[in-house]
Amino acid sequence: MQLIRNQNVSKKQHIKTAEQILPYLQEYPDYLEHPTIKKVLGLVSMIKSDEQMADLMNKVLEEIDIENKKDKPDEYLISRLSDIYHKHKAA
């Protein structure tokens, strides 16, 4: 889509990225998000101490391990939990 849109554009300032063409596809709405992800993000926003955050991140790692051991693991859930873990493990 991006290639078709930018096919005859001659100036760099007029080129649009896919995110600019379809901005509603950048983020997932809450009603489409996995319940586990919503729960973890809610808990992350409420945590105030480093010990609580470390405990939550350990539980996130456990959830990733549990999901990986399933016959058909949910790749989206694993990916999002890994992103959350890497974003908040140092905090």
PDB file of N, CA and C in Angstrom:
ATOM      1  N   MET A   1       0.820  -1.183   0.000  1.00  0.00           N
ATOM      2  CA  MET A   1       0.000   0.000   0.000  1.00  0.00           C
ATOM      3  C   MET A   1       0.873   1.259   0.000  1.00  0.00           C
ATOM      4  N   GLN A   2       1.917   1.206   0.788  1.00  0.00           N
ATOM      5  CA  GLN A   2       2.819   2.351   0.870  1.00  0.00           C
ATOM      6  C   GLN A   2       3.493   2.596  -0.478  1.00  0.00           C
ATOM      7  N   LEU A   3       3.884   1.533  -1.150  1.00  0.00           N
ATOM      8  CA  LEU A   3       4.540   1.678  -2.448  1.00  0.00           C
ATOM      9  C   LEU A   3       3.594   2.259  -3.490  1.00  0.00           C
ATOM     10  N   ILE A   4       2.347   1.804  -3.475  1.00  0.00           N
ATOM     11  CA  ILE A   4       1.366   2.319  -4.435  1.00  0.00           C
ATOM     12  C   ILE A   4       1.095   3.790  -4.171  1.00  0.00           C
ATOM     13  N   ARG A   5       0.957   4.164  -2.917  1.00  0.00           N
ATOM     14  CA  ARG A   5       0.656   5.554  -2.557  1.00  0.00           C
ATOM     15  C   ARG A   5       1.803   6.482  -2.959  1.00  0.00           C
ATOM     16  N   ASN A   6       3.032   6.034  -2.772  1.00  0.00           N
ATOM     17  CA  ASN A   6       4.206   6.875  -3.019  1.00  0.00           C
ATOM     18  C   ASN A   6       4.798   6.693  -4.417  1.00  0.00           C
ATOM     19  N   GLN A   7       4.109   6.001  -5.267  1.00  0.00           N
ATOM     20  CA  GLN A   7       4.623   5.649  -6.584  1.00  0.00           C
ATOM     21  C   GLN A   7       5.011   6.861  -7.431  1.00  0.00           C
ATOM     22  N   ASN A   8       4.176   7.863  -7.498  1.00  0.00           N
ATOM     23  CA  ASN A   8       4.433   9.016  -8.362  1.00  0.00           C
ATOM     24  C   ASN A   8       4.788  10.287  -7.583  1.00  0.00           C
ATOM     25  N   VAL A   9       5.209  10.125  -6.350  1.00  0.00           N
ATOM     26  CA  VAL A   9       5.586  11.273  -5.529  1.00  0.00           C
ATOM     27  C   VAL A   9       7.001  11.695  -5.907  1.00  0.00           C
ATOM     28  N   SER A  10       7.174  12.976  -6.153  1.00  0.00           N
ATOM     29  CA  SER A  10       8.493  13.455  -6.571  1.00  0.00           C
ATOM     30  C   SER A  10       9.261  14.150  -5.449  1.00  0.00           C
ATOM     31  N   LYS A  11       8.557  14.598  -4.421  1.00  0.00           N
ATOM     32  CA  LYS A  11       9.231  15.287  -3.325  1.00  0.00           C
ATOM     33  C   LYS A  11       9.218  14.413  -2.073  1.00  0.00           C
ATOM     34  N   LYS A  12      10.337  14.412  -1.384  1.00  0.00           N
ATOM     35  CA  LYS A  12      10.479  13.586  -0.191  1.00  0.00           C
ATOM     36  C   LYS A  12       9.464  13.959   0.887  1.00  0.00           C
ATOM     37  N   GLN A  13       9.117  15.210   0.989  1.00  0.00           N
ATOM     38  CA  GLN A  13       8.186  15.673   2.016  1.00  0.00           C
ATOM     39  C   GLN A  13       6.769  15.150   1.795  1.00  0.00           C
ATOM     40  N   HIS A  14       6.462  14.667   0.612  1.00  0.00           N
ATOM     41  CA  HIS A  14       5.125  14.172   0.308  1.00  0.00           C
ATOM     42  C   HIS A  14       5.007  12.661   0.468  1.00  0.00           C
ATOM     43  N   ILE A  15       6.117  11.993   0.736  1.00  0.00           N
ATOM     44  CA  ILE A  15       6.098  10.546   0.921  1.00  0.00           C
ATOM     45  C   ILE A  15       5.465  10.228   2.269  1.00  0.00           C
ATOM     46  N   LYS A  16       4.568   9.242   2.270  1.00  0.00           N
ATOM     47  CA  LYS A  16       3.895   8.837   3.504  1.00  0.00           C
ATOM     48  C   LYS A  16       4.261   7.397   3.837  1.00  0.00           C
ATOM     49  N   THR A  17       4.448   7.145   5.120  1.00  0.00           N
ATOM     50  CA  THR A  17       4.721   5.790   5.581  1.00  0.00           C
ATOM     51  C   THR A  17       3.403   5.048   5.769  1.00  0.00           C
ATOM     52  N   ALA A  18       3.493   3.742   5.956  1.00  0.00           N
ATOM     53  CA  ALA A  18       2.291   2.935   6.161  1.00  0.00           C
ATOM     54  C   ALA A  18       1.558   3.370   7.429  1.00  0.00           C
ATOM     55  N   GLU A  19       2.294   3.760   8.460  1.00  0.00           N
ATOM     56  CA  GLU A  19       1.669   4.202   9.706  1.00  0.00           C
ATOM     57  C   GLU A  19       0.893   5.501   9.516  1.00  0.00           C
ATOM     58  N   GLN A  20       1.364   6.351   8.634  1.00  0.00           N
ATOM     59  CA  GLN A  20       0.651   7.602   8.361  1.00  0.00           C
ATOM     60  C   GLN A  20      -0.592   7.354   7.514  1.00  0.00           C
ATOM     61  N   ILE A  21      -0.533   6.368   6.634  1.00  0.00           N
ATOM     62  CA  ILE A  21      -1.679   6.065   5.785  1.00  0.00           C
ATOM     63  C   ILE A  21      -2.780   5.386   6.596  1.00  0.00           C
ATOM     64  N   LEU A  22      -2.409   4.463   7.472  1.00  0.00           N
ATOM     65  CA  LEU A  22      -3.370   3.710   8.284  1.00  0.00           C
ATOM     66  C   LEU A  22      -3.041   3.863   9.768  1.00  0.00           C
ATOM     67  N   PRO A  23      -3.294   5.019  10.358  1.00  0.00           N
ATOM     68  CA  PRO A  23      -2.890   5.248  11.746  1.00  0.00           C
ATOM     69  C   PRO A  23      -3.633   4.379  12.757  1.00  0.00           C
ATOM     70  N   TYR A  24      -4.818   3.918  12.403  1.00  0.00           N
ATOM     71  CA  TYR A  24      -5.601   3.120  13.339  1.00  0.00           C
ATOM     72  C   TYR A  24      -5.035   1.715  13.524  1.00  0.00           C
ATOM     73  N   LEU A  25      -4.070   1.314  12.742  1.00  0.00           N
ATOM     74  CA  LEU A  25      -3.469  -0.005  12.877  1.00  0.00           C
ATOM     75  C   LEU A  25      -2.226  -0.010  13.761  1.00  0.00           C
ATOM     76  N   GLN A  26      -1.842   1.125  14.304  1.00  0.00           N
ATOM     77  CA  GLN A  26      -0.621   1.198  15.103  1.00  0.00           C
ATOM     78  C   GLN A  26      -0.776   0.540  16.466  1.00  0.00           C
ATOM     79  N   GLU A  27      -1.877   0.728  17.128  1.00  0.00           N
ATOM     80  CA  GLU A  27      -2.061   0.178  18.464  1.00  0.00           C
ATOM     81  C   GLU A  27      -3.294  -0.703  18.492  1.00  0.00           C
ATOM     82  N   TYR A  28      -3.262  -1.680  19.402  1.00  0.00           N
ATOM     83  CA  TYR A  28      -4.409  -2.559  19.552  1.00  0.00           C
ATOM     84  C   TYR A  28      -5.418  -1.918  20.486  1.00  0.00           C
ATOM     85  N   PRO A  29      -6.701  -1.975  20.141  1.00  0.00           N
ATOM     86  CA  PRO A  29      -7.718  -1.498  21.077  1.00  0.00           C
ATOM     87  C   PRO A  29      -7.780  -2.431  22.290  1.00  0.00           C
ATOM     88  N   ASP A  30      -8.242  -1.926  23.401  1.00  0.00           N
ATOM     89  CA  ASP A  30      -8.300  -2.721  24.629  1.00  0.00           C
ATOM     90  C   ASP A  30      -9.141  -3.979  24.473  1.00  0.00           C
ATOM     91  N   TYR A  31     -10.218  -3.888  23.722  1.00  0.00           N
ATOM     92  CA  TYR A  31     -11.102  -5.050  23.615  1.00  0.00           C
ATOM     93  C   TYR A  31     -10.486  -6.182  22.793  1.00  0.00           C
ATOM     94  N   LEU A  32      -9.427  -5.915  22.046  1.00  0.00           N
ATOM     95  CA  LEU A  32      -8.740  -6.962  21.292  1.00  0.00           C
ATOM     96  C   LEU A  32      -7.531  -7.525  22.033  1.00  0.00           C
ATOM     97  N   GLU A  33      -7.094  -6.848  23.069  1.00  0.00           N
ATOM     98  CA  GLU A  33      -5.891  -7.258  23.792  1.00  0.00           C
ATOM     99  C   GLU A  33      -6.154  -8.533  24.590  1.00  0.00           C
ATOM    100  N   HIS A  34      -5.145  -9.366  24.702  1.00  0.00           N
ATOM    101  CA  HIS A  34      -5.228 -10.614  25.465  1.00  0.00           C
ATOM    102  C   HIS A  34      -5.483 -10.271  26.934  1.00  0.00           C
ATOM    103  N   PRO A  35      -6.373 -11.014  27.615  1.00  0.00           N
ATOM    104  CA  PRO A  35      -6.685 -10.695  29.022  1.00  0.00           C
ATOM    105  C   PRO A  35      -5.460 -10.712  29.934  1.00  0.00           C
ATOM    106  N   THR A  36      -4.531 -11.606  29.692  1.00  0.00           N
ATOM    107  CA  THR A  36      -3.320 -11.665  30.517  1.00  0.00           C
ATOM    108  C   THR A  36      -2.490 -10.399  30.354  1.00  0.00           C
ATOM    109  N   ILE A  37      -2.407  -9.898  29.139  1.00  0.00           N
ATOM    110  CA  ILE A  37      -1.644  -8.672  28.874  1.00  0.00           C
ATOM    111  C   ILE A  37      -2.302  -7.492  29.579  1.00  0.00           C
ATOM    112  N   LYS A  38      -3.626  -7.408  29.495  1.00  0.00           N
ATOM    113  CA  LYS A  38      -4.335  -6.316  30.177  1.00  0.00           C
ATOM    114  C   LYS A  38      -4.090  -6.371  31.678  1.00  0.00           C
ATOM    115  N   LYS A  39      -4.110  -7.580  32.238  1.00  0.00           N
ATOM    116  CA  LYS A  39      -3.905  -7.741  33.675  1.00  0.00           C
ATOM    117  C   LYS A  39      -2.491  -7.314  34.079  1.00  0.00           C
ATOM    118  N   VAL A  40      -1.500  -7.747  33.313  1.00  0.00           N
ATOM    119  CA  VAL A  40      -0.103  -7.405  33.621  1.00  0.00           C
ATOM    120  C   VAL A  40       0.126  -5.900  33.501  1.00  0.00           C
ATOM    121  N   LEU A  41      -0.391  -5.294  32.439  1.00  0.00           N
ATOM    122  CA  LEU A  41      -0.214  -3.848  32.265  1.00  0.00           C
ATOM    123  C   LEU A  41      -0.909  -3.066  33.379  1.00  0.00           C
ATOM    124  N   GLY A  42      -2.059  -3.549  33.828  1.00  0.00           N
ATOM    125  CA  GLY A  42      -2.744  -2.906  34.947  1.00  0.00           C
ATOM    126  C   GLY A  42      -1.929  -2.995  36.227  1.00  0.00           C
ATOM    127  N   LEU A  43      -1.335  -4.154  36.472  1.00  0.00           N
ATOM    128  CA  LEU A  43      -0.510  -4.330  37.667  1.00  0.00           C
ATOM    129  C   LEU A  43       0.764  -3.494  37.600  1.00  0.00           C
ATOM    130  N   VAL A  44       1.368  -3.423  36.422  1.00  0.00           N
ATOM    131  CA  VAL A  44       2.593  -2.628  36.258  1.00  0.00           C
ATOM    132  C   VAL A  44       2.329  -1.163  36.585  1.00  0.00           C
ATOM    133  N   SER A  45       1.179  -0.669  36.174  1.00  0.00           N
ATOM    134  CA  SER A  45       0.876   0.744  36.418  1.00  0.00           C
ATOM    135  C   SER A  45       0.620   1.037  37.895  1.00  0.00           C
ATOM    136  N   MET A  46       0.249   0.017  38.680  1.00  0.00           N
ATOM    137  CA  MET A  46      -0.060   0.231  40.097  1.00  0.00           C
ATOM    138  C   MET A  46       1.137  -0.002  41.017  1.00  0.00           C
ATOM    139  N   ILE A  47       2.168  -0.657  40.537  1.00  0.00           N
ATOM    140  CA  ILE A  47       3.314  -1.029  41.376  1.00  0.00           C
ATOM    141  C   ILE A  47       4.155   0.203  41.712  1.00  0.00           C
ATOM    142  N   LYS A  48       4.570   0.254  42.995  1.00  0.00           N
ATOM    143  CA  LYS A  48       5.342   1.407  43.455  1.00  0.00           C
ATOM    144  C   LYS A  48       6.741   1.044  43.928  1.00  0.00           C
ATOM    145  N   SER A  49       6.964  -0.202  44.343  1.00  0.00           N
ATOM    146  CA  SER A  49       8.289  -0.551  44.866  1.00  0.00           C
ATOM    147  C   SER A  49       9.038  -1.468  43.900  1.00  0.00           C
ATOM    148  N   ASP A  50      10.351  -1.447  44.014  1.00  0.00           N
ATOM    149  CA  ASP A  50      11.200  -2.274  43.154  1.00  0.00           C
ATOM    150  C   ASP A  50      11.005  -3.761  43.435  1.00  0.00           C
ATOM    151  N   GLU A  51      10.750  -4.109  44.708  1.00  0.00           N
ATOM    152  CA  GLU A  51      10.544  -5.512  45.063  1.00  0.00           C
ATOM    153  C   GLU A  51       9.283  -6.058  44.412  1.00  0.00           C
ATOM    154  N   GLN A  52       8.224  -5.259  44.411  1.00  0.00           N
ATOM    155  CA  GLN A  52       6.979  -5.682  43.772  1.00  0.00           C
ATOM    156  C   GLN A  52       7.176  -5.840  42.269  1.00  0.00           C
ATOM    157  N   MET A  53       7.912  -4.921  41.665  1.00  0.00           N
ATOM    158  CA  MET A  53       8.161  -5.001  40.224  1.00  0.00           C
ATOM    159  C   MET A  53       8.989  -6.241  39.899  1.00  0.00           C
ATOM    160  N   ALA A  54       9.998  -6.526  40.712  1.00  0.00           N
ATOM    161  CA  ALA A  54      10.823  -7.715  40.488  1.00  0.00           C
ATOM    162  C   ALA A  54       9.984  -8.984  40.613  1.00  0.00           C
ATOM    163  N   ASP A  55       9.093  -9.017  41.606  1.00  0.00           N
ATOM    164  CA  ASP A  55       8.215 -10.171  41.785  1.00  0.00           C
ATOM    165  C   ASP A  55       7.282 -10.341  40.584  1.00  0.00           C
ATOM    166  N   LEU A  56       6.717  -9.244  40.115  1.00  0.00           N
ATOM    167  CA  LEU A  56       5.825  -9.307  38.954  1.00  0.00           C
ATOM    168  C   LEU A  56       6.581  -9.763  37.711  1.00  0.00           C
ATOM    169  N   MET A  57       7.797  -9.277  37.517  1.00  0.00           N
ATOM    170  CA  MET A  57       8.572  -9.675  36.343  1.00  0.00           C
ATOM    171  C   MET A  57       8.953 -11.159  36.409  1.00  0.00           C
ATOM    172  N   ASN A  58       9.180 -11.682  37.629  1.00  0.00           N
ATOM    173  CA  ASN A  58       9.419 -13.122  37.775  1.00  0.00           C
ATOM    174  C   ASN A  58       8.180 -13.914  37.379  1.00  0.00           C
ATOM    175  N   LYS A  59       7.012 -13.409  37.752  1.00  0.00           N
ATOM    176  CA  LYS A  59       5.762 -14.079  37.374  1.00  0.00           C
ATOM    177  C   LYS A  59       5.523 -13.991  35.871  1.00  0.00           C
ATOM    178  N   VAL A  60       5.926 -12.892  35.264  1.00  0.00           N
ATOM    179  CA  VAL A  60       5.814 -12.757  33.809  1.00  0.00           C
ATOM    180  C   VAL A  60       6.708 -13.797  33.134  1.00  0.00           C
ATOM    181  N   LEU A  61       7.930 -13.973  33.643  1.00  0.00           N
ATOM    182  CA  LEU A  61       8.829 -14.990  33.090  1.00  0.00           C
ATOM    183  C   LEU A  61       8.253 -16.395  33.255  1.00  0.00           C
ATOM    184  N   GLU A  62       7.622 -16.653  34.405  1.00  0.00           N
ATOM    185  CA  GLU A  62       6.983 -17.951  34.622  1.00  0.00           C
ATOM    186  C   GLU A  62       5.863 -18.175  33.613  1.00  0.00           C
ATOM    187  N   GLU A  63       5.078 -17.146  33.363  1.00  0.00           N
ATOM    188  CA  GLU A  63       3.983 -17.248  32.396  1.00  0.00           C
ATOM    189  C   GLU A  63       4.527 -17.510  30.988  1.00  0.00           C
ATOM    190  N   ILE A  64       5.638 -16.872  30.646  1.00  0.00           N
ATOM    191  CA  ILE A  64       6.267 -17.114  29.339  1.00  0.00           C
ATOM    192  C   ILE A  64       6.722 -18.569  29.244  1.00  0.00           C
ATOM    193  N   ASP A  65       7.343 -19.089  30.315  1.00  0.00           N
ATOM    194  CA  ASP A  65       7.790 -20.487  30.317  1.00  0.00           C
ATOM    195  C   ASP A  65       6.616 -21.450  30.199  1.00  0.00           C
ATOM    196  N   ILE A  66       5.537 -21.175  30.922  1.00  0.00           N
ATOM    197  CA  ILE A  66       4.342 -22.024  30.853  1.00  0.00           C
ATOM    198  C   ILE A  66       3.781 -22.032  29.440  1.00  0.00           C
ATOM    199  N   GLU A  67       3.720 -20.869  28.841  1.00  0.00           N
ATOM    200  CA  GLU A  67       3.169 -20.768  27.484  1.00  0.00           C
ATOM    201  C   GLU A  67       4.078 -21.468  26.473  1.00  0.00           C
ATOM    202  N   ASN A  68       5.386 -21.378  26.650  1.00  0.00           N
ATOM    203  CA  ASN A  68       6.327 -22.042  25.740  1.00  0.00           C
ATOM    204  C   ASN A  68       6.233 -23.560  25.811  1.00  0.00           C
ATOM    205  N   LYS A  69       5.841 -24.105  26.963  1.00  0.00           N
ATOM    206  CA  LYS A  69       5.760 -25.550  27.139  1.00  0.00           C
ATOM    207  C   LYS A  69       4.489 -26.154  26.552  1.00  0.00           C
ATOM    208  N   LYS A  70       3.539 -25.337  26.165  1.00  0.00           N
ATOM    209  CA  LYS A  70       2.298 -25.849  25.583  1.00  0.00           C
ATOM    210  C   LYS A  70       2.566 -26.422  24.196  1.00  0.00           C
ATOM    211  N   ASP A  71       1.653 -27.303  23.750  1.00  0.00           N
ATOM    212  CA  ASP A  71       1.781 -27.889  22.414  1.00  0.00           C
ATOM    213  C   ASP A  71       1.710 -26.824  21.335  1.00  0.00           C
ATOM    214  N   LYS A  72       0.769 -25.912  21.474  1.00  0.00           N
ATOM    215  CA  LYS A  72       0.629 -24.805  20.525  1.00  0.00           C
ATOM    216  C   LYS A  72       0.705 -23.491  21.301  1.00  0.00           C
ATOM    217  N   PRO A  73       1.918 -22.995  21.533  1.00  0.00           N
ATOM    218  CA  PRO A  73       2.053 -21.754  22.316  1.00  0.00           C
ATOM    219  C   PRO A  73       1.497 -20.550  21.564  1.00  0.00           C
ATOM    220  N   ASP A  74       0.972 -19.614  22.319  1.00  0.00           N
ATOM    221  CA  ASP A  74       0.443 -18.372  21.763  1.00  0.00           C
ATOM    222  C   ASP A  74       1.622 -17.421  21.549  1.00  0.00           C
ATOM    223  N   GLU A  75       2.052 -17.303  20.308  1.00  0.00           N
ATOM    224  CA  GLU A  75       3.232 -16.491  19.988  1.00  0.00           C
ATOM    225  C   GLU A  75       3.013 -15.013  20.308  1.00  0.00           C
ATOM    226  N   TYR A  76       1.800 -14.529  20.091  1.00  0.00           N
ATOM    227  CA  TYR A  76       1.511 -13.124  20.396  1.00  0.00           C
ATOM    228  C   TYR A  76       1.669 -12.865  21.891  1.00  0.00           C
ATOM    229  N   LEU A  77       1.109 -13.738  22.709  1.00  0.00           N
ATOM    230  CA  LEU A  77       1.199 -13.579  24.160  1.00  0.00           C
ATOM    231  C   LEU A  77       2.657 -13.620  24.611  1.00  0.00           C
ATOM    232  N   ILE A  78       3.412 -14.554  24.087  1.00  0.00           N
ATOM    233  CA  ILE A  78       4.828 -14.665  24.451  1.00  0.00           C
ATOM    234  C   ILE A  78       5.587 -13.403  24.044  1.00  0.00           C
ATOM    235  N   SER A  79       5.320 -12.914  22.855  1.00  0.00           N
ATOM    236  CA  SER A  79       5.996 -11.716  22.359  1.00  0.00           C
ATOM    237  C   SER A  79       5.668 -10.494  23.209  1.00  0.00           C
ATOM    238  N   ARG A  80       4.392 -10.296  23.500  1.00  0.00           N
ATOM    239  CA  ARG A  80       3.986  -9.120  24.292  1.00  0.00           C
ATOM    240  C   ARG A  80       4.514  -9.209  25.723  1.00  0.00           C
ATOM    241  N   LEU A  81       4.452 -10.397  26.331  1.00  0.00           N
ATOM    242  CA  LEU A  81       4.981 -10.547  27.687  1.00  0.00           C
ATOM    243  C   LEU A  81       6.490 -10.313  27.707  1.00  0.00           C
ATOM    244  N   SER A  82       7.188 -10.774  26.683  1.00  0.00           N
ATOM    245  CA  SER A  82       8.632 -10.530  26.595  1.00  0.00           C
ATOM    246  C   SER A  82       8.927  -9.041  26.459  1.00  0.00           C
ATOM    247  N   ASP A  83       8.133  -8.351  25.656  1.00  0.00           N
ATOM    248  CA  ASP A  83       8.307  -6.902  25.509  1.00  0.00           C
ATOM    249  C   ASP A  83       8.097  -6.190  26.841  1.00  0.00           C
ATOM    250  N   ILE A  84       7.051  -6.578  27.556  1.00  0.00           N
ATOM    251  CA  ILE A  84       6.768  -5.967  28.861  1.00  0.00           C
ATOM    252  C   ILE A  84       7.914  -6.257  29.824  1.00  0.00           C
ATOM    253  N   TYR A  85       8.394  -7.495  29.821  1.00  0.00           N
ATOM    254  CA  TYR A  85       9.497  -7.866  30.707  1.00  0.00           C
ATOM    255  C   TYR A  85      10.745  -7.030  30.421  1.00  0.00           C
ATOM    256  N   HIS A  86      11.129  -6.936  29.161  1.00  0.00           N
ATOM    257  CA  HIS A  86      12.339  -6.189  28.808  1.00  0.00           C
ATOM    258  C   HIS A  86      12.188  -4.695  29.072  1.00  0.00           C
ATOM    259  N   LYS A  87      10.982  -4.198  28.958  1.00  0.00           N
ATOM    260  CA  LYS A  87      10.753  -2.771  29.196  1.00  0.00           C
ATOM    261  C   LYS A  87      10.829  -2.428  30.681  1.00  0.00           C
ATOM    262  N   HIS A  88      10.365  -3.341  31.539  1.00  0.00           N
ATOM    263  CA  HIS A  88      10.234  -3.012  32.962  1.00  0.00           C
ATOM    264  C   HIS A  88      11.212  -3.744  33.875  1.00  0.00           C
ATOM    265  N   LYS A  89      12.055  -4.615  33.351  1.00  0.00           N
ATOM    266  CA  LYS A  89      12.949  -5.370  34.235  1.00  0.00           C
ATOM    267  C   LYS A  89      13.985  -4.483  34.900  1.00  0.00           C
ATOM    268  N   ALA A  90      14.428  -3.442  34.220  1.00  0.00           N
ATOM    269  CA  ALA A  90      15.449  -2.557  34.787  1.00  0.00           C
ATOM    270  C   ALA A  90      14.845  -1.509  35.712  1.00  0.00           C
ATOM    271  N   ALA A  91      13.556  -1.305  35.620  1.00  0.00           N
ATOM    272  CA  ALA A  91      12.911  -0.252  36.421  1.00  0.00           C
ATOM    273  C   ALA A  91      12.844  -0.606  37.877  1.00  0.00           C
TER     274      ALA A  91
END
